[in-house]
Amino acid sequence: MLMGHLAVGLALKARFKRAPLLPLLLAVQLLDWIWLILVWLGQEQFHLKPESIFLQYDFSNAVYSHSLFWSIFYAIVTFLLFIGASGQRHWAAPLSLGVLSHWPLDWLLHDHDLPFANFGPDLAFGLGLQTLSSPAAFLLETLLLAVGWLIYYRAVRRDGPRQNRCAWGILATLLLLNVCLYAFPLLLG
């Protein structure tokens, strides 16, 4: 759901003009950055789905990076860090909303591998669109990207030709990345 997350970052930039774009794009991916670090440290695990024609994986253990509880916790911590920082208070709401948006978008694609928490009942969530139909998941991500970019573009198009070109460059780059992410396993054969 990389493109869906980035689409939210673009839409947030349109709504919160004073917040810089790069931190917003990083915020919507914060859970994945935490996940990559925890996988590298051996604290969380995943496995690839070889039967898929697209690059897909299941979380074997992602209780600290992708659980509902910890997602909300990271959003609150992000808000508190930035609301207390002089000069960046206006970043607090959009960055925390970006962090918080990650889990619901993952819920759409993941197949019952998003845990509630690392404590309490052993519940896992996920609608499983990626498992049901990889092409539908690709189309959903592309649609989310188009909508997020359009919201962003409408907000910056009158800011001058440089911003206009930058917006089109962002769209081209993200569309290419989206195609590459889904086509990579097809190229491997």
Protein backbone atom coordinates (compact mmCIF):
# COMPACT_ATOMS: atom_id res chain seq x y z
CA MET A 1 0.00 0.00 0.00
CA LEU A 2 2.97 2.31 -0.52
CA MET A 3 1.18 4.47 -3.09
CA GLY A 4 -1.95 4.76 -0.96
CA HIS A 5 0.13 5.98 1.96
CA LEU A 6 1.98 8.50 -0.19
CA ALA A 7 -1.35 9.68 -1.63
CA VAL A 8 -2.46 10.54 1.90
CA GLY A 9 0.78 12.49 2.38
CA LEU A 10 0.08 14.49 -0.77
CA ALA A 11 -3.50 15.19 0.30
CA LEU A 12 -2.32 16.28 3.75
CA LYS A 13 0.13 18.70 2.14
CA ALA A 14 -2.75 20.26 0.22
CA ARG A 15 -4.72 20.75 3.43
CA PHE A 16 -1.81 21.81 5.67
CA LYS A 17 0.26 24.07 3.42
CA ARG A 18 2.75 25.09 6.12
CA ALA A 19 3.82 21.49 6.78
CA PRO A 20 6.67 20.42 4.45
CA LEU A 21 5.97 17.63 1.97
CA LEU A 22 8.94 15.37 2.77
CA PRO A 23 8.14 14.99 6.49
CA LEU A 24 4.52 14.26 5.55
CA LEU A 25 5.61 11.54 3.13
CA LEU A 26 7.88 10.08 5.81
CA ALA A 27 5.12 10.25 8.45
CA VAL A 28 2.66 8.22 6.39
CA GLN A 29 5.37 5.55 6.09
CA LEU A 30 6.53 5.68 9.73
CA LEU A 31 5.05 2.27 10.58
CA ASP A 32 6.90 0.69 7.65
CA TRP A 33 10.18 2.33 8.71
CA ILE A 34 9.69 0.94 12.22
CA TRP A 35 8.83 -2.45 10.72
CA LEU A 36 11.98 -2.52 8.57
CA ILE A 37 14.16 -1.71 11.58
CA LEU A 38 12.45 -4.36 13.72
CA VAL A 39 12.76 -6.98 10.95
CA TRP A 40 16.45 -6.12 10.63
CA LEU A 41 16.84 -6.51 14.42
CA GLY A 42 15.00 -9.85 14.30
CA GLN A 43 12.08 -8.63 16.45
CA GLU A 44 9.43 -8.92 13.74
CA GLN A 45 9.07 -11.40 10.89
CA PHE A 46 7.31 -11.73 7.56
CA HIS A 47 7.19 -14.24 4.74
CA LEU A 48 6.76 -13.76 1.02
CA LYS A 49 3.82 -15.32 -0.76
CA PRO A 50 5.41 -17.24 -3.65
CA GLU A 51 2.04 -18.10 -5.20
CA SER A 52 1.30 -14.45 -5.88
CA ILE A 53 1.96 -12.91 -9.27
CA PHE A 54 2.70 -9.61 -7.50
CA LEU A 55 5.07 -8.91 -4.63
CA GLN A 56 3.08 -9.88 -1.54
CA TYR A 57 3.97 -10.83 1.99
CA ASP A 58 2.27 -11.72 5.25
CA PHE A 59 3.31 -10.44 8.62
CA SER A 60 4.27 -13.43 10.74
CA ASN A 61 4.89 -11.08 13.64
CA ALA A 62 4.42 -7.31 13.40
CA VAL A 63 2.96 -6.50 16.81
CA TYR A 64 5.10 -3.44 17.49
CA SER A 65 5.05 -1.84 14.05
CA HIS A 66 1.63 -2.59 12.60
CA SER A 67 -0.73 -3.32 15.48
CA LEU A 68 -3.72 -1.06 15.94
CA PHE A 69 -2.65 -0.15 19.48
CA TRP A 70 0.92 0.80 18.56
CA SER A 71 -0.22 2.70 15.46
CA ILE A 72 -2.36 4.94 17.62
CA PHE A 73 0.48 5.23 20.14
CA TYR A 74 2.97 6.36 17.45
CA ALA A 75 0.47 8.94 16.17
CA ILE A 76 0.02 10.36 19.67
CA VAL A 77 3.78 10.45 20.29
CA THR A 78 4.29 12.21 16.94
CA PHE A 79 1.67 14.80 17.87
CA LEU A 80 3.19 15.40 21.30
CA LEU A 81 6.72 15.72 19.92
CA PHE A 82 5.74 18.35 17.40
CA ILE A 83 3.16 20.26 19.44
CA GLY A 84 5.92 20.88 21.98
CA ALA A 85 8.52 21.92 19.42
CA SER A 86 8.73 25.63 18.84
CA GLY A 87 8.62 26.49 15.18
CA GLN A 88 7.00 23.20 14.18
CA ARG A 89 3.73 23.23 16.12
CA HIS A 90 1.80 23.51 12.86
CA TRP A 91 3.35 20.17 11.84
CA ALA A 92 1.82 18.26 14.79
CA ALA A 93 -1.67 17.61 13.41
CA PRO A 94 -0.76 16.71 9.81
CA LEU A 95 2.16 14.47 10.80
CA SER A 96 0.15 12.61 13.43
CA LEU A 97 -2.77 12.23 11.00
CA GLY A 98 -0.31 10.84 8.47
CA VAL A 99 0.97 8.27 10.96
CA LEU A 100 -2.57 7.37 12.01
CA SER A 101 -3.71 6.92 8.39
CA HIS A 102 -1.28 4.05 7.80
CA TRP A 103 -3.17 1.31 9.63
CA PRO A 104 -6.62 1.76 7.99
CA LEU A 105 -5.04 1.71 4.53
CA ASP A 106 -3.08 -1.44 5.35
CA TRP A 107 -6.30 -2.97 6.66
CA LEU A 108 -7.74 -2.77 3.14
CA LEU A 109 -4.98 -4.89 1.58
CA HIS A 110 -3.62 -7.16 4.31
CA ASP A 111 -5.20 -10.55 4.95
CA HIS A 112 -5.85 -10.85 8.69
CA ASP A 113 -2.23 -10.27 9.68
CA LEU A 114 -2.54 -6.85 11.35
CA PRO A 115 -2.59 -7.50 15.11
CA PHE A 116 -4.57 -5.59 17.71
CA ALA A 117 -1.62 -5.29 20.11
CA ASN A 118 1.26 -7.21 21.61
CA PHE A 119 -0.97 -7.90 24.64
CA GLY A 120 -4.58 -8.82 25.30
CA PRO A 121 -6.71 -10.86 22.92
CA ASP A 122 -5.02 -12.46 19.95
CA LEU A 123 -6.96 -10.58 17.28
CA ALA A 124 -5.80 -9.95 13.73
CA PHE A 125 -7.39 -7.68 11.17
CA GLY A 126 -7.33 -7.16 7.43
CA LEU A 127 -9.82 -7.11 4.60
CA GLY A 128 -7.45 -9.05 2.34
CA LEU A 129 -7.97 -7.31 -1.00
CA GLN A 130 -4.41 -8.13 -2.04
CA THR A 131 -5.04 -11.83 -1.51
CA LEU A 132 -8.45 -11.76 -3.19
CA SER A 133 -7.26 -9.92 -6.28
CA SER A 134 -3.77 -8.54 -6.86
CA PRO A 135 -4.89 -6.57 -9.93
CA ALA A 136 -7.72 -5.01 -7.89
CA ALA A 137 -5.21 -4.06 -5.19
CA PHE A 138 -2.99 -2.47 -7.85
CA LEU A 139 -5.95 -0.54 -9.25
CA LEU A 140 -6.99 0.63 -5.78
CA GLU A 141 -3.48 1.90 -5.05
CA THR A 142 -3.30 3.63 -8.41
CA LEU A 143 -6.72 5.22 -7.85
CA LEU A 144 -5.72 6.40 -4.36
CA LEU A 145 -2.52 7.84 -5.80
CA ALA A 146 -4.45 9.67 -8.53
CA VAL A 147 -6.94 11.14 -6.04
CA GLY A 148 -4.22 12.15 -3.55
CA TRP A 149 -2.13 13.71 -6.30
CA LEU A 150 -5.14 15.55 -7.76
CA ILE A 151 -5.93 17.06 -4.36
CA TYR A 152 -2.27 18.08 -4.04
CA TYR A 153 -2.09 19.45 -7.59
CA ARG A 154 -5.21 21.58 -7.16
CA ALA A 155 -3.60 23.14 -4.09
CA VAL A 156 -0.23 23.95 -5.73
CA ARG A 157 -1.03 24.59 -9.39
CA ARG A 158 -1.39 28.34 -8.89
CA ASP A 159 1.88 28.61 -6.94
CA GLY A 160 3.85 29.05 -10.14
CA PRO A 161 5.40 27.02 -12.95
CA ARG A 162 8.09 25.51 -10.72
CA GLN A 163 5.52 24.00 -8.33
CA ASN A 164 3.45 22.88 -11.30
CA ARG A 165 6.41 21.00 -12.83
CA CYS A 166 7.31 19.58 -9.45
CA ALA A 167 3.77 18.21 -9.00
CA TRP A 168 3.87 16.52 -12.41
CA GLY A 169 7.32 15.12 -11.61
CA ILE A 170 5.99 13.67 -8.36
CA LEU A 171 3.11 12.01 -10.21
CA ALA A 172 5.37 10.53 -12.89
CA THR A 173 7.83 9.22 -10.31
CA LEU A 174 5.16 7.66 -8.11
CA LEU A 175 3.32 6.06 -11.04
CA LEU A 176 6.58 4.55 -12.29
CA LEU A 177 7.40 3.30 -8.80
CA ASN A 178 3.93 1.80 -8.45
CA VAL A 179 4.23 -0.11 -11.73
CA CYS A 180 7.74 -1.29 -10.81
CA LEU A 181 6.66 -2.53 -7.38
CA TYR A 182 3.86 -4.60 -8.82
CA ALA A 183 5.73 -5.73 -11.95
CA PHE A 184 9.00 -6.71 -10.23
CA PRO A 185 7.91 -10.30 -9.42
CA LEU A 186 6.59 -10.70 -12.97
CA LEU A 187 10.01 -9.79 -14.33
CA LEU A 188 11.67 -12.41 -12.13
CA GLY A 189 9.59 -15.02 -13.81
